[in-house]
Amino acid sequence: MIKSLASTAAVLASILLAGCDAATSRTENTSNAEVQVTGAMKNVMRKGELFGTIDLDTISNKTHLYGLGPLEYLRGELLIVDGKAYKSTVLSDSTMQVEETFAAKAPFFVYANVANWQEHTLPDSVQTMPQLEVYLDEATKTATRPFAFRLKGTVQAAHVHIVNLPEDTKVSSPQEAHQGQATYTFQDAEAEIIGFYSTEHKAIFTHHDSNMHLHLITSDKSKMGHLDKVKFGAGSMKLYLPQE
């Protein structure tokens, strides 16, 4: 009888442990592409909280990491692409410096670890940012939100900016926050765009009039910035969404 009870207890313990392992596995898989946010755009733009709220080097899991945001004190732009971090800063009205480094802080930042992507051909009808936003909304009605996404291909034309706030400038409005900003344009460039989409994070990591925040980096890593305007050529871009 004692042996029988001991055997039963052992079986039950084994089942419970297996269940715990399975639950842990499900949690890890579910949260694999979970979007994380630190700080808030509105605190930077309206309250002048320009200091870093996150040190990129403290993000422990850098495997398949993607993220974006501005550099602390609005002195540049930050982008993480598949575990590699890039910082762009203004050199002049026509030139920038792009450096690969995790040694940077951001006043607000959005990021996710995405190991598996599903490739889609971007329809020829989607050639601008407003069209992309509408398409993403329609294509992801049943998907987990917010989410990261990627675009790769030849960009017909693009406008990106890098924030470059003069030292010791006080900020209490978006207009003040963009003092010193430099805008760069280029055409027919091979590039990758990392974006984050959400209908619930306006003024947190997207602007008040958009559900997207996007940064672009050219394939040669010589140009990177916040994407303001873009023109995709027909059949020139691949869209990648997290695999559910």
Protein backbone atom coordinates (compact mmCIF):
# COMPACT_ATOMS: atom_id res chain seq x y z
CA MET A 1 0.00 0.00 0.00
CA ILE A 2 2.84 2.39 0.94
CA LYS A 3 4.69 1.51 -2.27
CA SER A 4 1.47 2.10 -4.25
CA LEU A 5 0.94 5.52 -2.67
CA ALA A 6 4.57 6.46 -3.27
CA SER A 7 4.30 5.39 -6.88
CA THR A 8 1.10 7.41 -7.36
CA ALA A 9 2.69 10.48 -5.75
CA ALA A 10 5.69 10.15 -8.05
CA VAL A 11 3.45 9.97 -11.11
CA LEU A 12 1.44 13.01 -9.99
CA ALA A 13 4.64 14.97 -9.34
CA SER A 14 5.91 14.05 -12.77
CA ILE A 15 2.66 15.21 -14.38
CA LEU A 16 2.72 18.49 -12.46
CA LEU A 17 6.34 19.15 -13.42
CA ALA A 18 5.59 18.38 -17.05
CA GLY A 19 2.61 20.74 -16.91
CA CYS A 20 4.78 23.48 -15.44
CA ASP A 21 7.40 22.97 -18.15
CA ALA A 22 4.73 23.10 -20.85
CA ALA A 23 3.23 26.27 -19.35
CA THR A 24 6.67 27.87 -19.25
CA SER A 25 7.28 26.89 -22.85
CA ARG A 26 3.94 28.37 -23.93
CA THR A 27 4.68 31.60 -22.10
CA GLU A 28 8.09 31.92 -23.74
CA ASN A 29 6.67 31.29 -27.20
CA THR A 30 3.77 33.69 -26.67
CA SER A 31 6.00 36.50 -25.42
CA ASN A 32 8.68 35.95 -28.04
CA ALA A 33 7.55 38.94 -30.12
CA GLU A 34 6.01 40.89 -27.24
CA VAL A 35 6.59 44.62 -27.60
CA GLN A 36 8.30 46.36 -24.68
CA VAL A 37 8.15 50.13 -24.09
CA THR A 38 10.15 52.36 -21.80
CA GLY A 39 9.54 56.08 -21.31
CA ALA A 40 6.99 58.01 -23.36
CA MET A 41 7.20 60.42 -26.28
CA LYS A 42 4.77 62.83 -24.59
CA ASN A 43 7.05 63.11 -21.55
CA VAL A 44 9.89 64.11 -23.84
CA MET A 45 7.91 66.52 -26.03
CA ARG A 46 5.67 68.10 -23.39
CA LYS A 47 7.57 67.75 -20.12
CA GLY A 48 11.11 68.09 -21.39
CA GLU A 49 12.22 64.74 -19.92
CA LEU A 50 15.16 64.37 -22.29
CA PHE A 51 17.33 62.14 -20.13
CA GLY A 52 17.77 58.46 -20.88
CA THR A 53 15.23 56.09 -19.35
CA ILE A 54 16.97 53.03 -20.77
CA ASP A 55 20.57 52.11 -21.49
CA LEU A 56 20.47 49.91 -24.59
CA ASP A 57 23.29 47.77 -23.24
CA THR A 58 21.06 46.70 -20.32
CA ILE A 59 18.57 44.92 -22.59
CA SER A 60 19.60 41.42 -21.60
CA ASN A 61 18.25 39.41 -24.52
CA LYS A 62 19.83 40.81 -27.66
CA THR A 63 19.12 37.73 -29.79
CA HIS A 64 16.85 38.74 -32.68
CA LEU A 65 16.31 42.11 -30.99
CA TYR A 66 14.64 44.99 -32.84
CA GLY A 67 14.00 48.45 -31.48
CA LEU A 68 13.97 52.18 -32.10
CA GLY A 69 13.80 55.58 -30.46
CA PRO A 70 15.73 58.85 -30.17
CA LEU A 71 19.09 59.31 -28.50
CA GLU A 72 18.97 60.92 -25.05
CA TYR A 73 18.73 64.74 -25.04
CA LEU A 74 17.45 64.39 -28.62
CA ARG A 75 20.95 64.39 -30.08
CA GLY A 76 20.47 61.55 -32.58
CA GLU A 77 18.47 58.47 -33.58
CA LEU A 78 18.74 54.84 -32.43
CA LEU A 79 17.87 51.61 -34.20
CA ILE A 80 18.38 47.94 -33.38
CA VAL A 81 18.23 45.43 -36.25
CA ASP A 82 18.46 41.73 -35.45
CA GLY A 83 20.63 42.25 -32.39
CA LYS A 84 22.86 45.01 -33.81
CA ALA A 85 22.44 48.58 -32.56
CA TYR A 86 23.06 51.72 -34.61
CA LYS A 87 23.29 55.38 -33.60
CA SER A 88 23.04 58.21 -36.14
CA THR A 89 24.08 61.78 -35.42
CA VAL A 90 24.18 64.98 -37.45
CA LEU A 91 27.49 66.12 -38.94
CA SER A 92 26.05 68.76 -41.29
CA ASP A 93 22.90 69.52 -43.27
CA SER A 94 24.03 66.98 -45.87
CA THR A 95 26.05 64.43 -43.90
CA MET A 96 25.52 62.15 -40.93
CA GLN A 97 27.50 59.65 -38.90
CA VAL A 98 26.19 56.14 -38.33
CA GLU A 99 27.92 54.10 -35.65
CA GLU A 100 27.28 50.51 -34.54
CA THR A 101 27.07 50.57 -30.74
CA PHE A 102 24.94 49.57 -27.76
CA ALA A 103 26.56 52.33 -25.68
CA ALA A 104 23.60 54.69 -25.90
CA LYS A 105 20.60 55.79 -23.86
CA ALA A 106 17.11 56.78 -25.00
CA PRO A 107 14.42 58.92 -23.33
CA PHE A 108 11.81 56.56 -24.79
CA PHE A 109 12.30 53.31 -26.63
CA VAL A 110 10.23 50.47 -28.09
CA TYR A 111 11.64 47.02 -28.74
CA ALA A 112 10.86 43.33 -29.25
CA ASN A 113 12.65 40.04 -29.78
CA VAL A 114 11.33 38.46 -32.97
CA ALA A 115 12.93 35.18 -34.03
CA ASN A 116 10.53 34.15 -36.78
CA TRP A 117 9.10 36.33 -39.53
CA GLN A 118 6.52 35.65 -42.21
CA GLU A 119 7.39 37.17 -45.58
CA HIS A 120 4.79 39.01 -47.67
CA THR A 121 5.08 40.81 -50.98
CA LEU A 122 3.95 44.37 -50.45
CA PRO A 123 1.11 45.07 -52.91
CA ASP A 124 1.89 47.49 -55.76
CA SER A 125 -0.91 49.71 -54.45
CA VAL A 126 1.06 50.37 -51.24
CA GLN A 127 3.65 53.00 -52.12
CA THR A 128 3.46 55.58 -49.30
CA MET A 129 3.43 55.63 -45.51
CA PRO A 130 -0.32 56.41 -45.22
CA GLN A 131 -1.07 53.53 -47.60
CA LEU A 132 1.20 51.25 -45.58
CA GLU A 133 -0.59 52.14 -42.35
CA VAL A 134 -3.98 51.30 -43.85
CA TYR A 135 -2.65 48.04 -45.27
CA LEU A 136 -1.11 46.97 -41.96
CA ASP A 137 -4.35 47.65 -40.13
CA GLU A 138 -6.35 45.57 -42.59
CA ALA A 139 -3.79 42.74 -42.77
CA THR A 140 -3.41 42.29 -38.99
CA LYS A 141 -6.97 42.46 -37.66
CA THR A 142 -6.58 39.07 -35.95
CA ALA A 143 -2.88 39.40 -35.05
CA THR A 144 -1.35 40.27 -31.70
CA ARG A 145 -0.94 44.03 -31.27
CA PRO A 146 1.24 46.02 -30.89
CA PHE A 147 3.82 44.40 -33.15
CA ALA A 148 7.14 45.00 -34.86
CA PHE A 149 7.48 44.74 -38.62
CA ARG A 150 10.18 45.00 -41.27
CA LEU A 151 10.40 46.14 -44.87
CA LYS A 152 13.31 45.30 -47.18
CA GLY A 153 14.01 46.28 -50.74
CA THR A 154 14.71 49.22 -53.01
CA VAL A 155 13.30 52.51 -51.76
CA GLN A 156 12.47 54.79 -54.66
CA ALA A 157 12.65 57.94 -52.53
CA ALA A 158 12.85 58.65 -48.81
CA HIS A 159 13.03 61.52 -46.33
CA VAL A 160 14.52 60.78 -42.92
CA HIS A 161 15.37 63.09 -40.07
CA ILE A 162 17.79 63.04 -37.17
CA VAL A 163 16.96 65.04 -34.06
CA ASN A 164 19.80 67.37 -33.12
CA LEU A 165 18.64 69.52 -30.22
CA PRO A 166 21.11 72.28 -29.29
CA GLU A 167 22.78 71.70 -25.94
CA ASP A 168 20.93 72.99 -22.86
CA THR A 169 17.72 73.66 -24.83
CA LYS A 170 14.54 73.44 -22.76
CA VAL A 171 11.63 71.56 -24.32
CA SER A 172 7.92 71.94 -23.61
CA SER A 173 6.40 71.32 -27.06
CA PRO A 174 7.02 69.21 -30.18
CA GLN A 175 8.11 72.35 -32.03
CA GLU A 176 10.82 73.03 -29.46
CA ALA A 177 11.86 69.36 -29.47
CA HIS A 178 12.64 69.48 -33.18
CA GLN A 179 14.94 72.50 -33.05
CA GLY A 180 18.15 71.76 -34.93
CA GLN A 181 16.68 68.70 -36.64
CA ALA A 182 18.37 67.73 -39.91
CA THR A 183 16.48 66.14 -42.81
CA TYR A 184 18.12 63.95 -45.44
CA THR A 185 16.71 62.73 -48.76
CA PHE A 186 17.89 59.96 -51.03
CA GLN A 187 16.67 57.93 -54.00
CA ASP A 188 16.88 54.37 -55.32
CA ALA A 189 18.54 52.99 -52.20
CA GLU A 190 18.64 49.43 -50.93
CA ALA A 191 17.32 49.73 -47.40
CA GLU A 192 15.64 48.07 -44.46
CA ILE A 193 12.87 49.71 -42.48
CA ILE A 194 12.05 48.66 -38.93
CA GLY A 195 8.66 49.73 -37.65
CA PHE A 196 6.32 49.31 -34.71
CA TYR A 197 2.54 49.41 -35.11
CA SER A 198 -0.01 50.11 -32.38
CA THR A 199 -3.46 51.64 -32.10
CA GLU A 200 -3.00 52.12 -28.34
CA HIS A 201 0.31 53.98 -28.04
CA LYS A 202 -0.21 57.41 -29.57
CA ALA A 203 2.15 59.89 -27.85
CA ILE A 204 3.88 56.92 -26.18
CA PHE A 205 5.96 55.60 -29.06
CA THR A 206 3.98 56.87 -32.07
CA HIS A 207 3.00 60.43 -32.88
CA HIS A 208 -0.54 61.56 -32.10
CA ASP A 209 -1.60 61.30 -35.76
CA SER A 210 -0.14 57.88 -36.60
CA ASN A 211 -0.17 54.25 -35.52
CA MET A 212 3.39 53.69 -36.77
CA HIS A 213 6.93 54.64 -35.84
CA LEU A 214 9.57 53.73 -38.42
CA HIS A 215 13.33 54.07 -38.78
CA LEU A 216 15.21 53.36 -42.00
CA ILE A 217 18.79 52.18 -42.50
CA THR A 218 20.47 51.72 -45.87
CA SER A 219 22.01 48.34 -46.66
CA ASP A 220 25.54 49.81 -46.55
CA LYS A 221 24.76 51.22 -43.05
CA SER A 222 25.83 54.72 -44.12
CA LYS A 223 22.43 56.37 -43.56
CA MET A 224 19.90 55.88 -40.77
CA GLY A 225 17.12 58.00 -39.37
CA HIS A 226 13.48 58.46 -38.43
CA LEU A 227 11.40 57.88 -41.56
CA ASP A 228 9.13 60.83 -42.41
CA LYS A 229 8.18 60.14 -46.00
CA VAL A 230 8.78 57.32 -48.47
CA LYS A 231 7.92 56.18 -51.98
CA PHE A 232 8.04 52.46 -52.71
CA GLY A 233 8.38 51.29 -56.27
CA ALA A 234 5.92 48.71 -57.53
CA GLY A 235 7.09 45.22 -56.55
CA SER A 236 10.23 46.56 -54.89
CA MET A 237 9.56 45.77 -51.22
CA LYS A 238 9.08 42.71 -49.03
CA LEU A 239 7.07 43.04 -45.82
CA TYR A 240 7.89 40.86 -42.81
CA LEU A 241 5.42 40.34 -39.97
CA PRO A 242 6.00 38.34 -36.77
CA GLN A 243 5.00 34.71 -37.18
CA GLU A 244 2.08 33.98 -34.87
